[in-house]
C-alpha atoms as a PDB file:
ATOM      1  CA  MET A   1      89.981  84.607  55.696  1.00  0.00           C
ATOM      2  CA  THR A   2      86.797  85.121  57.767  1.00  0.00           C
ATOM      3  CA  ARG A   3      84.395  85.165  54.838  1.00  0.00           C
ATOM      4  CA  ARG A   4      84.001  81.397  55.018  1.00  0.00           C
ATOM      5  CA  PRO A   5      83.871  78.883  57.886  1.00  0.00           C
ATOM      6  CA  LEU A   6      87.179  78.656  59.717  1.00  0.00           C
ATOM      7  CA  ASP A   7      88.640  75.288  58.757  1.00  0.00           C
ATOM      8  CA  ALA A   8      92.218  76.253  59.549  1.00  0.00           C
ATOM      9  CA  VAL A   9      93.592  79.145  61.567  1.00  0.00           C
ATOM     10  CA  PRO A  10      97.140  80.448  61.099  1.00  0.00           C
ATOM     11  CA  LYS A  11      99.560  79.534  63.875  1.00  0.00           C
ATOM     12  CA  GLY A  12      99.445  82.009  66.760  1.00  0.00           C
ATOM     13  CA  MET A  13      95.981  83.278  65.826  1.00  0.00           C
ATOM     14  CA  ARG A  14      92.770  82.712  67.780  1.00  0.00           C
ATOM     15  CA  ALA A  15      89.452  82.036  66.068  1.00  0.00           C
ATOM     16  CA  SER A  16      86.093  83.165  67.365  1.00  0.00           C
ATOM     17  CA  GLU A  17      82.696  82.536  65.832  1.00  0.00           C
ATOM     18  CA  HIS A  18      79.236  83.441  67.118  1.00  0.00           C
ATOM     19  CA  SER A  19      76.022  82.691  65.230  1.00  0.00           C
ATOM     20  CA  ALA A  20      72.280  83.151  65.490  1.00  0.00           C
ATOM     21  CA  VAL A  21      69.428  81.964  63.302  1.00  0.00           C
ATOM     22  CA  VAL A  22      66.707  84.403  62.291  1.00  0.00           C
ATOM     23  CA  SER A  23      63.345  83.799  60.639  1.00  0.00           C
ATOM     24  CA  ALA A  24      63.006  83.801  56.868  1.00  0.00           C
ATOM     25  CA  GLU A  25      60.954  87.013  56.925  1.00  0.00           C
ATOM     26  CA  SER A  26      63.711  88.875  58.783  1.00  0.00           C
ATOM     27  CA  ILE A  27      66.686  87.868  56.598  1.00  0.00           C
ATOM     28  CA  ALA A  28      66.436  90.953  54.357  1.00  0.00           C
ATOM     29  CA  ALA A  29      66.235  93.340  57.326  1.00  0.00           C
ATOM     30  CA  VAL A  30      69.195  91.728  59.058  1.00  0.00           C
ATOM     31  CA  ALA A  31      71.199  91.733  55.807  1.00  0.00           C
ATOM     32  CA  SER A  32      70.529  95.449  55.323  1.00  0.00           C
ATOM     33  CA  LEU A  33      71.851  96.043  58.845  1.00  0.00           C
ATOM     34  CA  VAL A  34      74.966  93.838  58.790  1.00  0.00           C
ATOM     35  CA  ARG A  35      76.224  95.182  55.470  1.00  0.00           C
ATOM     36  CA  THR A  36      76.542  98.705  56.911  1.00  0.00           C
ATOM     37  CA  TRP A  37      78.516 100.468  59.639  1.00  0.00           C
ATOM     38  CA  GLU A  38      75.211 100.908  61.497  1.00  0.00           C
ATOM     39  CA  PHE A  39      75.768  97.406  62.799  1.00  0.00           C
ATOM     40  CA  LYS A  40      79.048  98.404  64.483  1.00  0.00           C
ATOM     41  CA  ARG A  41      77.542 101.720  65.656  1.00  0.00           C
ATOM     42  CA  ARG A  42      74.790  99.830  67.496  1.00  0.00           C
ATOM     43  CA  ALA A  43      77.534  97.811  69.182  1.00  0.00           C
ATOM     44  CA  GLY A  44      78.940 101.034  70.634  1.00  0.00           C
ATOM     45  CA  PHE A  45      81.626 101.949  68.114  1.00  0.00           C
ATOM     46  CA  GLU A  46      82.356 105.230  66.413  1.00  0.00           C
ATOM     47  CA  VAL A  47      82.355 104.305  62.736  1.00  0.00           C
ATOM     48  CA  PRO A  48      83.917 105.628  59.508  1.00  0.00           C
ATOM     49  CA  ALA A  49      81.923 107.764  57.082  1.00  0.00           C
ATOM     50  CA  GLY A  50      80.434 106.113  54.012  1.00  0.00           C
ATOM     51  CA  GLU A  51      79.629 102.484  53.422  1.00  0.00           C
ATOM     52  CA  PRO A  52      81.995  99.549  53.958  1.00  0.00           C
ATOM     53  CA  LEU A  53      83.426  99.023  50.475  1.00  0.00           C
ATOM     54  CA  PRO A  54      86.379  96.787  49.558  1.00  0.00           C
ATOM     55  CA  GLY A  55      89.653  98.670  49.943  1.00  0.00           C
ATOM     56  CA  ARG A  56      88.146 101.497  51.977  1.00  0.00           C
ATOM     57  CA  GLU A  57      90.147 102.395  55.074  1.00  0.00           C
ATOM     58  CA  GLY A  58      88.829 104.021  58.199  1.00  0.00           C
ATOM     59  CA  VAL A  59      88.937 104.093  61.965  1.00  0.00           C
ATOM     60  CA  LEU A  60      86.582 102.399  64.358  1.00  0.00           C
ATOM     61  CA  ALA A  61      86.773 103.708  67.920  1.00  0.00           C
ATOM     62  CA  LYS A  62      85.419 102.558  71.255  1.00  0.00           C
ATOM     63  CA  ARG A  63      85.470 104.178  74.667  1.00  0.00           C
ATOM     64  CA  ILE A  64      86.317 101.926  77.571  1.00  0.00           C
ATOM     65  CA  LEU A  65      86.511 103.398  81.067  1.00  0.00           C
ATOM     66  CA  GLY A  66      86.566 106.852  79.482  1.00  0.00           C
ATOM     67  CA  ILE A  67      89.554 106.063  77.261  1.00  0.00           C
ATOM     68  CA  ARG A  68      89.038 106.248  73.499  1.00  0.00           C
ATOM     69  CA  PHE A  69      90.683 103.372  71.639  1.00  0.00           C
ATOM     70  CA  ALA A  70      91.146 104.027  67.912  1.00  0.00           C
ATOM     71  CA  GLU A  71      91.083 100.959  65.701  1.00  0.00           C
ATOM     72  CA  PRO A  72      92.356 101.512  62.133  1.00  0.00           C
ATOM     73  CA  ILE A  73      90.840  99.043  59.649  1.00  0.00           C
ATOM     74  CA  ARG A  74      90.554  98.288  55.917  1.00  0.00           C
ATOM     75  CA  VAL A  75      87.503  96.601  54.395  1.00  0.00           C
ATOM     76  CA  VAL A  76      88.586  93.441  52.548  1.00  0.00           C
ATOM     77  CA  TRP A  77      85.199  92.358  51.192  1.00  0.00           C
ATOM     78  CA  ALA A  78      81.600  93.562  51.151  1.00  0.00           C
ATOM     79  CA  ASP A  79      78.443  92.287  49.479  1.00  0.00           C
ATOM     80  CA  ASP A  80      74.676  92.171  50.005  1.00  0.00           C
ATOM     81  CA  HIS A  81      75.090  89.754  52.933  1.00  0.00           C
ATOM     82  CA  GLY A  82      77.722  91.525  55.037  1.00  0.00           C
ATOM     83  CA  PHE A  83      81.350  92.611  55.085  1.00  0.00           C
ATOM     84  CA  GLY A  84      84.744  91.859  56.536  1.00  0.00           C
ATOM     85  CA  TYR A  85      87.714  93.986  57.483  1.00  0.00           C
ATOM     86  CA  GLU A  86      91.324  93.566  58.447  1.00  0.00           C
ATOM     87  CA  THR A  87      93.042  95.531  61.160  1.00  0.00           C
ATOM     88  CA  ARG A  88      95.740  98.060  60.281  1.00  0.00           C
ATOM     89  CA  PRO A  89      98.810  99.273  62.194  1.00  0.00           C
ATOM     90  CA  GLY A  90      97.753 100.975  65.422  1.00  0.00           C
ATOM     91  CA  HIS A  91      94.868  98.575  66.099  1.00  0.00           C
ATOM     92  CA  PRO A  92      95.147  96.675  69.425  1.00  0.00           C
ATOM     93  CA  ILE A  93      94.478  93.417  67.581  1.00  0.00           C
ATOM     94  CA  TYR A  94      96.044  91.996  64.426  1.00  0.00           C
ATOM     95  CA  GLY A  95      93.586  90.033  62.341  1.00  0.00           C
ATOM     96  CA  GLU A  96      90.294  90.024  60.510  1.00  0.00           C
ATOM     97  CA  GLU A  97      86.613  90.191  61.452  1.00  0.00           C
ATOM     98  CA  SER A  98      83.443  89.662  59.427  1.00  0.00           C
ATOM     99  CA  PHE A  99      79.668  89.794  59.772  1.00  0.00           C
ATOM    100  CA  GLN A 100      77.276  88.065  57.410  1.00  0.00           C
ATOM    101  CA  ILE A 101      73.924  86.403  57.045  1.00  0.00           C
ATOM    102  CA  ASP A 102      73.320  83.542  54.647  1.00  0.00           C
ATOM    103  CA  ALA A 103      70.238  82.580  52.638  1.00  0.00           C
ATOM    104  CA  ARG A 104      69.088  80.191  55.414  1.00  0.00           C
ATOM    105  CA  GLY A 105      68.998  83.014  57.974  1.00  0.00           C
ATOM    106  CA  VAL A 106      72.196  82.129  59.809  1.00  0.00           C
ATOM    107  CA  PHE A 107      74.029  85.244  61.001  1.00  0.00           C
ATOM    108  CA  THR A 108      77.709  84.742  61.825  1.00  0.00           C
ATOM    109  CA  ALA A 109      80.248  87.073  63.411  1.00  0.00           C
ATOM    110  CA  ARG A 110      83.673  85.588  62.843  1.00  0.00           C
ATOM    111  CA  SER A 111      87.177  86.721  63.757  1.00  0.00           C
ATOM    112  CA  VAL A 112      90.735  85.489  63.573  1.00  0.00           C
ATOM    113  CA  SER A 113      93.125  87.533  65.658  1.00  0.00           C
ATOM    114  CA  ARG A 114      96.002  87.929  68.023  1.00  0.00           C
ATOM    115  CA  PRO A 115      97.277  90.893  70.065  1.00  0.00           C
ATOM    116  CA  SER A 116      99.097  93.348  67.784  1.00  0.00           C
ATOM    117  CA  ASN A 117     102.137  93.956  69.999  1.00  0.00           C
ATOM    118  CA  VAL A 118     103.750  93.081  73.317  1.00  0.00           C
ATOM    119  CA  PHE A 119     101.674  95.598  75.277  1.00  0.00           C
ATOM    120  CA  TRP A 120      98.433  94.139  73.955  1.00  0.00           C
ATOM    121  CA  MET A 121      99.785  90.618  74.464  1.00  0.00           C
ATOM    122  CA  LEU A 122     100.072  91.441  78.169  1.00  0.00           C
ATOM    123  CA  MET A 123      96.484  92.702  78.014  1.00  0.00           C
ATOM    124  CA  SER A 124      95.358  89.542  76.182  1.00  0.00           C
ATOM    125  CA  PRO A 125      93.013  88.229  78.913  1.00  0.00           C
ATOM    126  CA  ALA A 126      91.133  91.546  78.964  1.00  0.00           C
ATOM    127  CA  LEU A 127      91.065  91.681  75.139  1.00  0.00           C
ATOM    128  CA  ARG A 128      89.534  88.193  74.988  1.00  0.00           C
ATOM    129  CA  ILE A 129      86.833  89.132  77.489  1.00  0.00           C
ATOM    130  CA  LEU A 130      86.012  92.327  75.576  1.00  0.00           C
ATOM    131  CA  GLN A 131      86.001  90.499  72.249  1.00  0.00           C
ATOM    132  CA  GLY A 132      83.663  87.803  73.613  1.00  0.00           C
ATOM    133  CA  ARG A 133      81.276  90.392  75.045  1.00  0.00           C
ATOM    134  CA  THR A 134      81.303  92.334  71.792  1.00  0.00           C
ATOM    135  CA  HIS A 135      80.508  89.225  69.736  1.00  0.00           C
ATOM    136  CA  ALA A 136      77.643  88.398  72.125  1.00  0.00           C
ATOM    137  CA  LYS A 137      76.384  91.961  71.615  1.00  0.00           C
ATOM    138  CA  TYR A 138      76.470  91.433  67.831  1.00  0.00           C
ATOM    139  CA  VAL A 139      74.177  88.426  68.226  1.00  0.00           C
ATOM    140  CA  ARG A 140      71.771  90.424  70.441  1.00  0.00           C
ATOM    141  CA  ILE A 141      71.691  93.251  67.861  1.00  0.00           C
ATOM    142  CA  VAL A 142      70.783  90.775  65.109  1.00  0.00           C
ATOM    143  CA  GLN A 143      68.138  89.127  67.270  1.00  0.00           C
ATOM    144  CA  ALA A 144      66.609  92.531  68.062  1.00  0.00           C
ATOM    145  CA  ALA A 145      66.547  93.494  64.375  1.00  0.00           C
ATOM    146  CA  ALA A 146      64.880  90.191  63.530  1.00  0.00           C
ATOM    147  CA  ALA A 147      62.331  90.591  66.348  1.00  0.00           C
ATOM    148  CA  ALA A 148      61.439  94.078  65.090  1.00  0.00           C
ATOM    149  CA  VAL A 149      60.418  92.546  61.747  1.00  0.00           C
ATOM    150  CA  ALA A 150      58.423  89.743  63.384  1.00  0.00           C
ATOM    151  CA  GLY A 151      57.028  92.304  65.825  1.00  0.00           C
END
């Protein structure tokens, strides 16, 4: 669902999309970053072993205020330009997230989600803030990787 621009979002789901443009000479470096778990690691997540491959399941984890939140996921697509995953039972959010860079140098982090249960629905304002900050961090990571090439 998040591999392409979000024309329609299922009822009850919230779409989020953040993009940045990088120079032509940095596209390859950014692509090599966003097609690996290193991208999520730089954003502060514990990441699964191995590469993101379609069908592979794993757990992302993030510490917030000293509490470790485990986020089970399954990779739904992966290619030379990025990857996308869906959340699995036990994740605070139900939905899908992807990261990719196109041939023009446009990086996009895209998600479609909703809280996974009543508890997380009550925490929805905090989840939205965290999700927005995380997507902004993704853009900064891509900009830093691009700047390192231009350096």
